[in-house]
C-alpha atoms as a PDB file:
ATOM      1  CA  UNK A   1    -132.828  13.674 102.382  1.00  0.00           C
ATOM      2  CA  UNK A   2    -135.065  14.988 105.128  1.00  0.00           C
ATOM      3  CA  UNK A   3    -135.770  14.024 108.711  1.00  0.00           C
ATOM      4  CA  UNK A   4    -138.315  11.330 109.471  1.00  0.00           C
ATOM      5  CA  UNK A   5    -141.169  13.817 108.930  1.00  0.00           C
ATOM      6  CA  UNK A   6    -142.642  14.390 105.525  1.00  0.00           C
ATOM      7  CA  UNK A   7    -143.449  17.954 104.526  1.00  0.00           C
ATOM      8  CA  UNK A   8    -147.011  19.000 105.307  1.00  0.00           C
ATOM      9  CA  UNK A   9    -148.418  21.260 102.616  1.00  0.00           C
ATOM     10  CA  UNK A  10    -151.906  22.090 101.457  1.00  0.00           C
ATOM     11  CA  UNK A  11    -152.922  22.504  97.839  1.00  0.00           C
ATOM     12  CA  UNK A  12    -152.790  26.143  96.666  1.00  0.00           C
ATOM     13  CA  UNK A  13    -155.742  25.489  94.357  1.00  0.00           C
ATOM     14  CA  UNK A  14    -158.256  23.742  96.621  1.00  0.00           C
ATOM     15  CA  UNK A  15    -156.701  23.891 100.121  1.00  0.00           C
ATOM     16  CA  UNK A  16    -156.772  20.113 100.553  1.00  0.00           C
ATOM     17  CA  UNK A  17    -153.826  18.209 102.007  1.00  0.00           C
ATOM     18  CA  UNK A  18    -150.958  17.372  99.671  1.00  0.00           C
ATOM     19  CA  UNK A  19    -149.310  13.960  99.958  1.00  0.00           C
ATOM     20  CA  UNK A  20    -145.932  13.108  98.451  1.00  0.00           C
ATOM     21  CA  UNK A  21    -146.242  10.131  96.120  1.00  0.00           C
ATOM     22  CA  UNK A  22    -143.399   9.147  93.787  1.00  0.00           C
ATOM     23  CA  UNK A  23    -141.855  12.621  93.841  1.00  0.00           C
ATOM     24  CA  UNK A  24    -145.137  14.444  93.240  1.00  0.00           C
ATOM     25  CA  UNK A  25    -147.329  16.206  95.773  1.00  0.00           C
ATOM     26  CA  UNK A  26    -150.979  15.346  95.071  1.00  0.00           C
ATOM     27  CA  UNK A  27    -154.302  16.205  96.690  1.00  0.00           C
ATOM     28  CA  UNK A  28    -157.599  14.301  96.607  1.00  0.00           C
ATOM     29  CA  UNK A  29    -158.770  16.547  93.762  1.00  0.00           C
ATOM     30  CA  UNK A  30    -155.817  15.311  91.665  1.00  0.00           C
ATOM     31  CA  UNK A  31    -153.930  18.571  91.551  1.00  0.00           C
ATOM     32  CA  UNK A  32    -150.272  17.616  91.238  1.00  0.00           C
ATOM     33  CA  UNK A  33    -146.986  19.434  91.939  1.00  0.00           C
ATOM     34  CA  UNK A  34    -143.707  17.754  91.091  1.00  0.00           C
ATOM     35  CA  UNK A  35    -140.822  17.706  93.525  1.00  0.00           C
ATOM     36  CA  UNK A  36    -137.713  19.160  91.841  1.00  0.00           C
ATOM     37  CA  UNK A  37    -134.455  17.224  91.815  1.00  0.00           C
ATOM     38  CA  UNK A  38    -133.087  19.672  94.412  1.00  0.00           C
ATOM     39  CA  UNK A  39    -135.912  18.632  96.761  1.00  0.00           C
ATOM     40  CA  UNK A  40    -138.155  21.720  96.716  1.00  0.00           C
ATOM     41  CA  UNK A  41    -141.694  21.948  95.350  1.00  0.00           C
ATOM     42  CA  UNK A  42    -143.190  24.767  93.307  1.00  0.00           C
ATOM     43  CA  UNK A  43    -146.580  25.632  94.821  1.00  0.00           C
ATOM     44  CA  UNK A  44    -147.050  28.858  92.873  1.00  0.00           C
ATOM     45  CA  UNK A  45    -149.568  28.120  90.097  1.00  0.00           C
ATOM     46  CA  UNK A  46    -148.923  30.078  86.936  1.00  0.00           C
ATOM     47  CA  UNK A  47    -152.227  31.949  87.283  1.00  0.00           C
ATOM     48  CA  UNK A  48    -151.020  33.346  90.633  1.00  0.00           C
ATOM     49  CA  UNK A  49    -147.884  34.890  89.149  1.00  0.00           C
ATOM     50  CA  UNK A  50    -147.774  38.608  88.424  1.00  0.00           C
ATOM     51  CA  UNK A  51    -144.643  38.280  86.275  1.00  0.00           C
ATOM     52  CA  UNK A  52    -142.755  35.541  84.454  1.00  0.00           C
ATOM     53  CA  UNK A  53    -140.010  35.270  87.089  1.00  0.00           C
ATOM     54  CA  UNK A  54    -141.242  36.989  90.273  1.00  0.00           C
ATOM     55  CA  UNK A  55    -138.891  37.832  93.119  1.00  0.00           C
ATOM     56  CA  UNK A  56    -135.181  38.568  93.156  1.00  0.00           C
ATOM     57  CA  UNK A  57    -133.127  37.950  90.025  1.00  0.00           C
ATOM     58  CA  UNK A  58    -130.129  35.633  89.877  1.00  0.00           C
ATOM     59  CA  UNK A  59    -127.550  38.434  90.278  1.00  0.00           C
ATOM     60  CA  UNK A  60    -129.221  39.696  93.478  1.00  0.00           C
ATOM     61  CA  UNK A  61    -129.437  36.165  94.846  1.00  0.00           C
ATOM     62  CA  UNK A  62    -125.759  35.456  94.207  1.00  0.00           C
ATOM     63  CA  UNK A  63    -124.686  38.796  95.699  1.00  0.00           C
ATOM     64  CA  UNK A  64    -126.740  38.233  98.860  1.00  0.00           C
ATOM     65  CA  UNK A  65    -125.448  34.704  99.267  1.00  0.00           C
ATOM     66  CA  UNK A  66    -121.827  35.858  98.945  1.00  0.00           C
ATOM     67  CA  UNK A  67    -122.390  38.717 101.391  1.00  0.00           C
ATOM     68  CA  UNK A  68    -124.174  36.648 104.041  1.00  0.00           C
ATOM     69  CA  UNK A  69    -121.549  33.908 103.817  1.00  0.00           C
ATOM     70  CA  UNK A  70    -118.951  36.440 104.998  1.00  0.00           C
ATOM     71  CA  UNK A  71    -120.725  36.768 108.353  1.00  0.00           C
ATOM     72  CA  UNK A  72    -121.562  40.492 108.282  1.00  0.00           C
ATOM     73  CA  UNK A  73    -125.077  39.745 109.563  1.00  0.00           C
ATOM     74  CA  UNK A  74    -123.980  37.154 112.131  1.00  0.00           C
ATOM     75  CA  UNK A  75    -124.932  39.447 115.076  1.00  0.00           C
ATOM     76  CA  UNK A  76    -128.461  39.633 113.664  1.00  0.00           C
ATOM     77  CA  UNK A  77    -128.649  35.856 113.312  1.00  0.00           C
ATOM     78  CA  UNK A  78    -127.339  35.429 116.882  1.00  0.00           C
ATOM     79  CA  UNK A  79    -130.060  37.788 118.200  1.00  0.00           C
ATOM     80  CA  UNK A  80    -132.765  35.915 116.291  1.00  0.00           C
ATOM     81  CA  UNK A  81    -131.613  32.529 117.563  1.00  0.00           C
ATOM     82  CA  UNK A  82    -131.360  33.838 121.143  1.00  0.00           C
ATOM     83  CA  UNK A  83    -135.030  34.875 121.001  1.00  0.00           C
ATOM     84  CA  UNK A  84    -135.965  31.474 119.570  1.00  0.00           C
ATOM     85  CA  UNK A  85    -134.083  29.726 122.361  1.00  0.00           C
ATOM     86  CA  UNK A  86    -135.715  31.948 124.985  1.00  0.00           C
ATOM     87  CA  UNK A  87    -139.334  31.754 123.835  1.00  0.00           C
ATOM     88  CA  UNK A  88    -139.807  29.096 121.154  1.00  0.00           C
ATOM     89  CA  UNK A  89    -141.360  25.656 121.494  1.00  0.00           C
ATOM     90  CA  UNK A  90    -138.414  23.597 120.234  1.00  0.00           C
ATOM     91  CA  UNK A  91    -140.645  20.796 118.892  1.00  0.00           C
ATOM     92  CA  UNK A  92    -143.056  23.052 116.962  1.00  0.00           C
ATOM     93  CA  UNK A  93    -142.661  23.713 113.249  1.00  0.00           C
ATOM     94  CA  UNK A  94    -140.718  26.842 112.231  1.00  0.00           C
ATOM     95  CA  UNK A  95    -141.457  29.020 109.200  1.00  0.00           C
ATOM     96  CA  UNK A  96    -139.155  31.462 107.374  1.00  0.00           C
ATOM     97  CA  UNK A  97    -141.284  33.899 105.357  1.00  0.00           C
ATOM     98  CA  UNK A  98    -139.357  35.066 102.290  1.00  0.00           C
ATOM     99  CA  UNK A  99    -136.458  32.744 103.040  1.00  0.00           C
ATOM    100  CA  UNK A 100    -134.233  33.581 100.065  1.00  0.00           C
ATOM    101  CA  UNK A 101    -131.269  31.203  99.854  1.00  0.00           C
ATOM    102  CA  UNK A 102    -131.989  29.697 103.272  1.00  0.00           C
ATOM    103  CA  UNK A 103    -129.267  31.482 105.265  1.00  0.00           C
ATOM    104  CA  UNK A 104    -131.499  32.002 108.317  1.00  0.00           C
ATOM    105  CA  UNK A 105    -133.747  29.002 107.642  1.00  0.00           C
ATOM    106  CA  UNK A 106    -131.305  26.165 108.151  1.00  0.00           C
ATOM    107  CA  UNK A 107    -129.814  27.713 111.295  1.00  0.00           C
ATOM    108  CA  UNK A 108    -133.150  27.228 113.066  1.00  0.00           C
ATOM    109  CA  UNK A 109    -133.139  23.483 112.323  1.00  0.00           C
ATOM    110  CA  UNK A 110    -132.656  21.070 115.210  1.00  0.00           C
ATOM    111  CA  UNK A 111    -133.163  17.329 115.511  1.00  0.00           C
ATOM    112  CA  UNK A 112    -136.548  17.958 117.153  1.00  0.00           C
ATOM    113  CA  UNK A 113    -138.261  20.437 114.815  1.00  0.00           C
ATOM    114  CA  UNK A 114    -139.264  20.758 111.178  1.00  0.00           C
ATOM    115  CA  UNK A 115    -138.330  23.988 109.386  1.00  0.00           C
ATOM    116  CA  UNK A 116    -139.970  25.411 106.257  1.00  0.00           C
ATOM    117  CA  UNK A 117    -138.824  28.175 103.957  1.00  0.00           C
ATOM    118  CA  UNK A 118    -140.980  29.876 101.323  1.00  0.00           C
ATOM    119  CA  UNK A 119    -139.977  32.403  98.682  1.00  0.00           C
ATOM    120  CA  UNK A 120    -141.631  33.628  95.514  1.00  0.00           C
ATOM    121  CA  UNK A 121    -138.324  33.501  93.588  1.00  0.00           C
ATOM    122  CA  UNK A 122    -137.646  30.026  92.232  1.00  0.00           C
ATOM    123  CA  UNK A 123    -133.933  30.743  91.783  1.00  0.00           C
ATOM    124  CA  UNK A 124    -133.466  31.362  95.504  1.00  0.00           C
ATOM    125  CA  UNK A 125    -135.447  28.294  96.532  1.00  0.00           C
ATOM    126  CA  UNK A 126    -133.419  26.126  94.160  1.00  0.00           C
ATOM    127  CA  UNK A 127    -130.196  27.269  95.857  1.00  0.00           C
ATOM    128  CA  UNK A 128    -131.636  26.845  99.363  1.00  0.00           C
ATOM    129  CA  UNK A 129    -132.954  23.336  98.755  1.00  0.00           C
ATOM    130  CA  UNK A 130    -129.724  22.152  97.163  1.00  0.00           C
ATOM    131  CA  UNK A 131    -127.523  23.611  99.890  1.00  0.00           C
ATOM    132  CA  UNK A 132    -129.569  22.963 103.048  1.00  0.00           C
ATOM    133  CA  UNK A 133    -131.245  19.606 102.661  1.00  0.00           C
ATOM    134  CA  UNK A 134    -132.523  19.280 106.225  1.00  0.00           C
ATOM    135  CA  UNK A 135    -135.305  21.861 105.685  1.00  0.00           C
ATOM    136  CA  UNK A 136    -138.416  21.937 103.498  1.00  0.00           C
ATOM    137  CA  UNK A 137    -138.481  24.586 100.761  1.00  0.00           C
ATOM    138  CA  UNK A 138    -141.251  25.658  98.412  1.00  0.00           C
ATOM    139  CA  UNK A 139    -141.970  28.372  95.863  1.00  0.00           C
ATOM    140  CA  UNK A 140    -145.141  30.152  96.952  1.00  0.00           C
ATOM    141  CA  UNK A 141    -146.660  33.552  97.583  1.00  0.00           C
ATOM    142  CA  UNK A 142    -146.773  34.939 101.124  1.00  0.00           C
ATOM    143  CA  UNK A 143    -150.263  36.233 100.370  1.00  0.00           C
ATOM    144  CA  UNK A 144    -151.649  32.672 100.161  1.00  0.00           C
ATOM    145  CA  UNK A 145    -149.385  30.251 101.988  1.00  0.00           C
ATOM    146  CA  UNK A 146    -149.669  26.503 101.295  1.00  0.00           C
ATOM    147  CA  UNK A 147    -150.150  25.515 104.948  1.00  0.00           C
ATOM    148  CA  UNK A 148    -153.061  24.658 107.215  1.00  0.00           C
ATOM    149  CA  UNK A 149    -154.267  27.001 109.954  1.00  0.00           C
ATOM    150  CA  UNK A 150    -152.178  26.889 113.127  1.00  0.00           C
ATOM    151  CA  UNK A 151    -149.351  24.868 111.598  1.00  0.00           C
ATOM    152  CA  UNK A 152    -146.386  26.803 113.063  1.00  0.00           C
ATOM    153  CA  UNK A 153    -145.169  27.644 116.539  1.00  0.00           C
ATOM    154  CA  UNK A 154    -142.467  30.073 115.375  1.00  0.00           C
ATOM    155  CA  UNK A 155    -142.606  32.326 112.315  1.00  0.00           C
ATOM    156  CA  UNK A 156    -140.100  34.985 111.322  1.00  0.00           C
ATOM    157  CA  UNK A 157    -139.752  37.548 108.575  1.00  0.00           C
ATOM    158  CA  UNK A 158    -136.434  39.216 107.751  1.00  0.00           C
ATOM    159  CA  UNK A 159    -137.205  42.177 105.472  1.00  0.00           C
ATOM    160  CA  UNK A 160    -140.030  40.265 103.796  1.00  0.00           C
ATOM    161  CA  UNK A 161    -143.512  41.789 103.422  1.00  0.00           C
ATOM    162  CA  UNK A 162    -145.458  41.315 106.666  1.00  0.00           C
ATOM    163  CA  UNK A 163    -148.897  39.984 105.790  1.00  0.00           C
ATOM    164  CA  UNK A 164    -150.505  39.917 109.192  1.00  0.00           C
ATOM    165  CA  UNK A 165    -153.729  38.067 108.395  1.00  0.00           C
ATOM    166  CA  UNK A 166    -151.974  35.212 106.628  1.00  0.00           C
ATOM    167  CA  UNK A 167    -149.142  34.978 109.156  1.00  0.00           C
ATOM    168  CA  UNK A 168    -151.657  34.942 112.022  1.00  0.00           C
ATOM    169  CA  UNK A 169    -153.684  32.239 110.272  1.00  0.00           C
ATOM    170  CA  UNK A 170    -150.795  29.769 110.092  1.00  0.00           C
ATOM    171  CA  UNK A 171    -149.574  30.484 113.642  1.00  0.00           C
ATOM    172  CA  UNK A 172    -150.588  28.232 116.518  1.00  0.00           C
ATOM    173  CA  UNK A 173    -152.328  29.771 119.522  1.00  0.00           C
ATOM    174  CA  UNK A 174    -149.530  31.168 121.726  1.00  0.00           C
ATOM    175  CA  UNK A 175    -147.195  30.926 118.724  1.00  0.00           C
ATOM    176  CA  UNK A 176    -144.680  33.682 117.953  1.00  0.00           C
ATOM    177  CA  UNK A 177    -143.963  36.013 115.049  1.00  0.00           C
ATOM    178  CA  UNK A 178    -140.528  37.679 114.881  1.00  0.00           C
ATOM    179  CA  UNK A 179    -140.111  40.576 112.457  1.00  0.00           C
ATOM    180  CA  UNK A 180    -136.767  42.093 111.451  1.00  0.00           C
ATOM    181  CA  UNK A 181    -136.923  45.526 109.812  1.00  0.00           C
ATOM    182  CA  UNK A 182    -134.322  48.235 109.110  1.00  0.00           C
ATOM    183  CA  UNK A 183    -133.815  50.796 111.876  1.00  0.00           C
ATOM    184  CA  UNK A 184    -133.089  54.514 111.349  1.00  0.00           C
ATOM    185  CA  UNK A 185    -129.450  54.301 110.307  1.00  0.00           C
ATOM    186  CA  UNK A 186    -129.326  51.004 108.445  1.00  0.00           C
ATOM    187  CA  UNK A 187    -126.716  51.299 105.658  1.00  0.00           C
ATOM    188  CA  UNK A 188    -126.962  55.074 105.927  1.00  0.00           C
ATOM    189  CA  UNK A 189    -123.358  55.665 104.821  1.00  0.00           C
ATOM    190  CA  UNK A 190    -123.908  53.576 101.693  1.00  0.00           C
ATOM    191  CA  UNK A 191    -127.207  55.291 100.965  1.00  0.00           C
ATOM    192  CA  UNK A 192    -125.550  58.709 101.358  1.00  0.00           C
ATOM    193  CA  UNK A 193    -123.235  57.905  98.443  1.00  0.00           C
ATOM    194  CA  UNK A 194    -126.234  57.320  96.173  1.00  0.00           C
ATOM    195  CA  UNK A 195    -128.805  59.928  97.152  1.00  0.00           C
ATOM    196  CA  UNK A 196    -128.221  63.665  97.302  1.00  0.00           C
ATOM    197  CA  UNK A 197    -130.383  63.743 100.421  1.00  0.00           C
ATOM    198  CA  UNK A 198    -130.389  60.336 102.088  1.00  0.00           C
ATOM    199  CA  UNK A 199    -133.363  59.794 104.360  1.00  0.00           C
ATOM    200  CA  UNK A 200    -133.272  57.623 107.436  1.00  0.00           C
ATOM    201  CA  UNK A 201    -135.620  54.659 107.628  1.00  0.00           C
ATOM    202  CA  UNK A 202    -139.013  55.347 109.156  1.00  0.00           C
ATOM    203  CA  UNK A 203    -139.332  52.962 112.094  1.00  0.00           C
ATOM    204  CA  UNK A 204    -142.419  54.519 113.684  1.00  0.00           C
ATOM    205  CA  UNK A 205    -144.932  52.457 111.727  1.00  0.00           C
ATOM    206  CA  UNK A 206    -145.913  49.212 113.437  1.00  0.00           C
ATOM    207  CA  UNK A 207    -147.984  47.046 111.154  1.00  0.00           C
ATOM    208  CA  UNK A 208    -148.978  44.281 113.573  1.00  0.00           C
ATOM    209  CA  UNK A 209    -152.307  44.844 115.320  1.00  0.00           C
ATOM    210  CA  UNK A 210    -153.759  41.401 116.050  1.00  0.00           C
ATOM    211  CA  UNK A 211    -150.792  40.018 117.990  1.00  0.00           C
ATOM    212  CA  UNK A 212    -149.244  41.093 121.293  1.00  0.00           C
ATOM    213  CA  UNK A 213    -145.787  42.701 121.271  1.00  0.00           C
ATOM    214  CA  UNK A 214    -143.655  40.695 123.725  1.00  0.00           C
ATOM    215  CA  UNK A 215    -140.190  42.109 123.179  1.00  0.00           C
ATOM    216  CA  UNK A 216    -138.483  44.747 121.042  1.00  0.00           C
ATOM    217  CA  UNK A 217    -134.743  45.071 120.420  1.00  0.00           C
ATOM    218  CA  UNK A 218    -132.557  47.542 118.569  1.00  0.00           C
ATOM    219  CA  UNK A 219    -129.363  46.088 117.110  1.00  0.00           C
ATOM    220  CA  UNK A 220    -126.729  48.490 115.779  1.00  0.00           C
ATOM    221  CA  UNK A 221    -123.106  47.769 114.914  1.00  0.00           C
ATOM    222  CA  UNK A 222    -120.496  48.936 112.400  1.00  0.00           C
ATOM    223  CA  UNK A 223    -119.583  46.830 109.382  1.00  0.00           C
ATOM    224  CA  UNK A 224    -115.990  47.471 108.323  1.00  0.00           C
ATOM    225  CA  UNK A 225    -115.055  46.391 104.822  1.00  0.00           C
ATOM    226  CA  UNK A 226    -111.570  45.853 103.453  1.00  0.00           C
ATOM    227  CA  UNK A 227    -112.751  44.110 100.296  1.00  0.00           C
ATOM    228  CA  UNK A 228    -114.597  46.087  97.637  1.00  0.00           C
ATOM    229  CA  UNK A 229    -116.383  42.942  96.409  1.00  0.00           C
ATOM    230  CA  UNK A 230    -118.200  42.700  99.743  1.00  0.00           C
ATOM    231  CA  UNK A 231    -119.384  46.310  99.477  1.00  0.00           C
ATOM    232  CA  UNK A 232    -120.572  45.753  95.916  1.00  0.00           C
ATOM    233  CA  UNK A 233    -122.414  42.605  96.982  1.00  0.00           C
ATOM    234  CA  UNK A 234    -124.087  44.561  99.768  1.00  0.00           C
ATOM    235  CA  UNK A 235    -125.122  47.242  97.308  1.00  0.00           C
ATOM    236  CA  UNK A 236    -126.419  44.653  94.833  1.00  0.00           C
ATOM    237  CA  UNK A 237    -128.752  43.105  97.405  1.00  0.00           C
ATOM    238  CA  UNK A 238    -130.397  46.429  98.323  1.00  0.00           C
ATOM    239  CA  UNK A 239    -133.320  48.194  96.598  1.00  0.00           C
ATOM    240  CA  UNK A 240    -131.205  51.292  95.955  1.00  0.00           C
ATOM    241  CA  UNK A 241    -128.727  49.344  93.789  1.00  0.00           C
ATOM    242  CA  UNK A 242    -130.763  50.447  90.770  1.00  0.00           C
ATOM    243  CA  UNK A 243    -130.002  54.091  91.592  1.00  0.00           C
ATOM    244  CA  UNK A 244    -126.230  53.606  91.743  1.00  0.00           C
ATOM    245  CA  UNK A 245    -124.328  55.253  88.877  1.00  0.00           C
ATOM    246  CA  UNK A 246    -121.469  53.633  86.978  1.00  0.00           C
ATOM    247  CA  UNK A 247    -119.195  56.270  88.488  1.00  0.00           C
ATOM    248  CA  UNK A 248    -120.169  55.215  92.000  1.00  0.00           C
ATOM    249  CA  UNK A 249    -119.638  51.534  91.170  1.00  0.00           C
ATOM    250  CA  UNK A 250    -116.141  52.346  89.908  1.00  0.00           C
ATOM    251  CA  UNK A 251    -115.474  54.467  92.973  1.00  0.00           C
ATOM    252  CA  UNK A 252    -116.432  51.595  95.283  1.00  0.00           C
ATOM    253  CA  UNK A 253    -114.261  49.199  93.310  1.00  0.00           C
ATOM    254  CA  UNK A 254    -111.250  51.418  93.966  1.00  0.00           C
ATOM    255  CA  UNK A 255    -111.920  51.895  97.684  1.00  0.00           C
ATOM    256  CA  UNK A 256    -109.756  49.741  99.905  1.00  0.00           C
ATOM    257  CA  UNK A 257    -111.775  50.457 103.050  1.00  0.00           C
ATOM    258  CA  UNK A 258    -115.393  51.347 103.715  1.00  0.00           C
ATOM    259  CA  UNK A 259    -117.553  51.365 106.822  1.00  0.00           C
ATOM    260  CA  UNK A 260    -121.308  51.569 107.330  1.00  0.00           C
ATOM    261  CA  UNK A 261    -123.835  50.735 109.997  1.00  0.00           C
ATOM    262  CA  UNK A 262    -126.026  47.690 110.316  1.00  0.00           C
ATOM    263  CA  UNK A 263    -129.109  48.853 112.195  1.00  0.00           C
ATOM    264  CA  UNK A 264    -132.090  46.584 112.841  1.00  0.00           C
ATOM    265  CA  UNK A 265    -135.293  46.492 114.854  1.00  0.00           C
ATOM    266  CA  UNK A 266    -136.399  43.074 116.076  1.00  0.00           C
ATOM    267  CA  UNK A 267    -139.980  42.769 117.313  1.00  0.00           C
ATOM    268  CA  UNK A 268    -141.377  39.592 118.802  1.00  0.00           C
ATOM    269  CA  UNK A 269    -145.173  39.123 118.868  1.00  0.00           C
ATOM    270  CA  UNK A 270    -147.333  36.382 120.328  1.00  0.00           C
ATOM    271  CA  UNK A 271    -150.715  35.146 119.131  1.00  0.00           C
END
């Protein structure tokens, strides 16, 4: 199912190496984590969960998958891959923090690297592992990642929480962290339909202090919709979906055309 490399994880309970034996990952202290039939492994012990099913629910996952499959975020993906091609060590391991259904994860895979995706939502990891079998996927928390220090040469986070200490720990010396966050006008037209006074995103706050900022890019382009399902999927994958009224949902269903901005900030840091 995978390349010649076996996944390299460490035990979330005792931090010892996990070895895959007969479809179970085991450490020397006999902690065991079964590999699911889809190929992923759940490395989120029940005592580390803050809810029964943490992360995005199934409806959000399906909406995001349908939206991303239509290519609306292709310019973002192209910008991310261009930075990887420009700076990345193509043989070093790659890590997608908060990988969701693996849309960005698998597109970083080459014949020379190993690519890992982690998400706290089991439903998303199940989809990713089943669909993109050339990458390694696990359920885990970004606050305590199941990897040894300095394991990755390239790490990226698209809208996921940026946990600098943990990300820095698993990065190699001279390794890179790429963060993608919303810029001022991201989805502003959609937000304006929901909120009486829609605020622009605050992009002034830079959370990374330990790493060196190498490059910063602003990516802005219009997304033009002629299918109401795509707009509804976009809405469903955003945090402000919960604020949308039934009237607004019906209004969007009736609209034949809609346009809003995609607006991102990409920041590349080096350890």
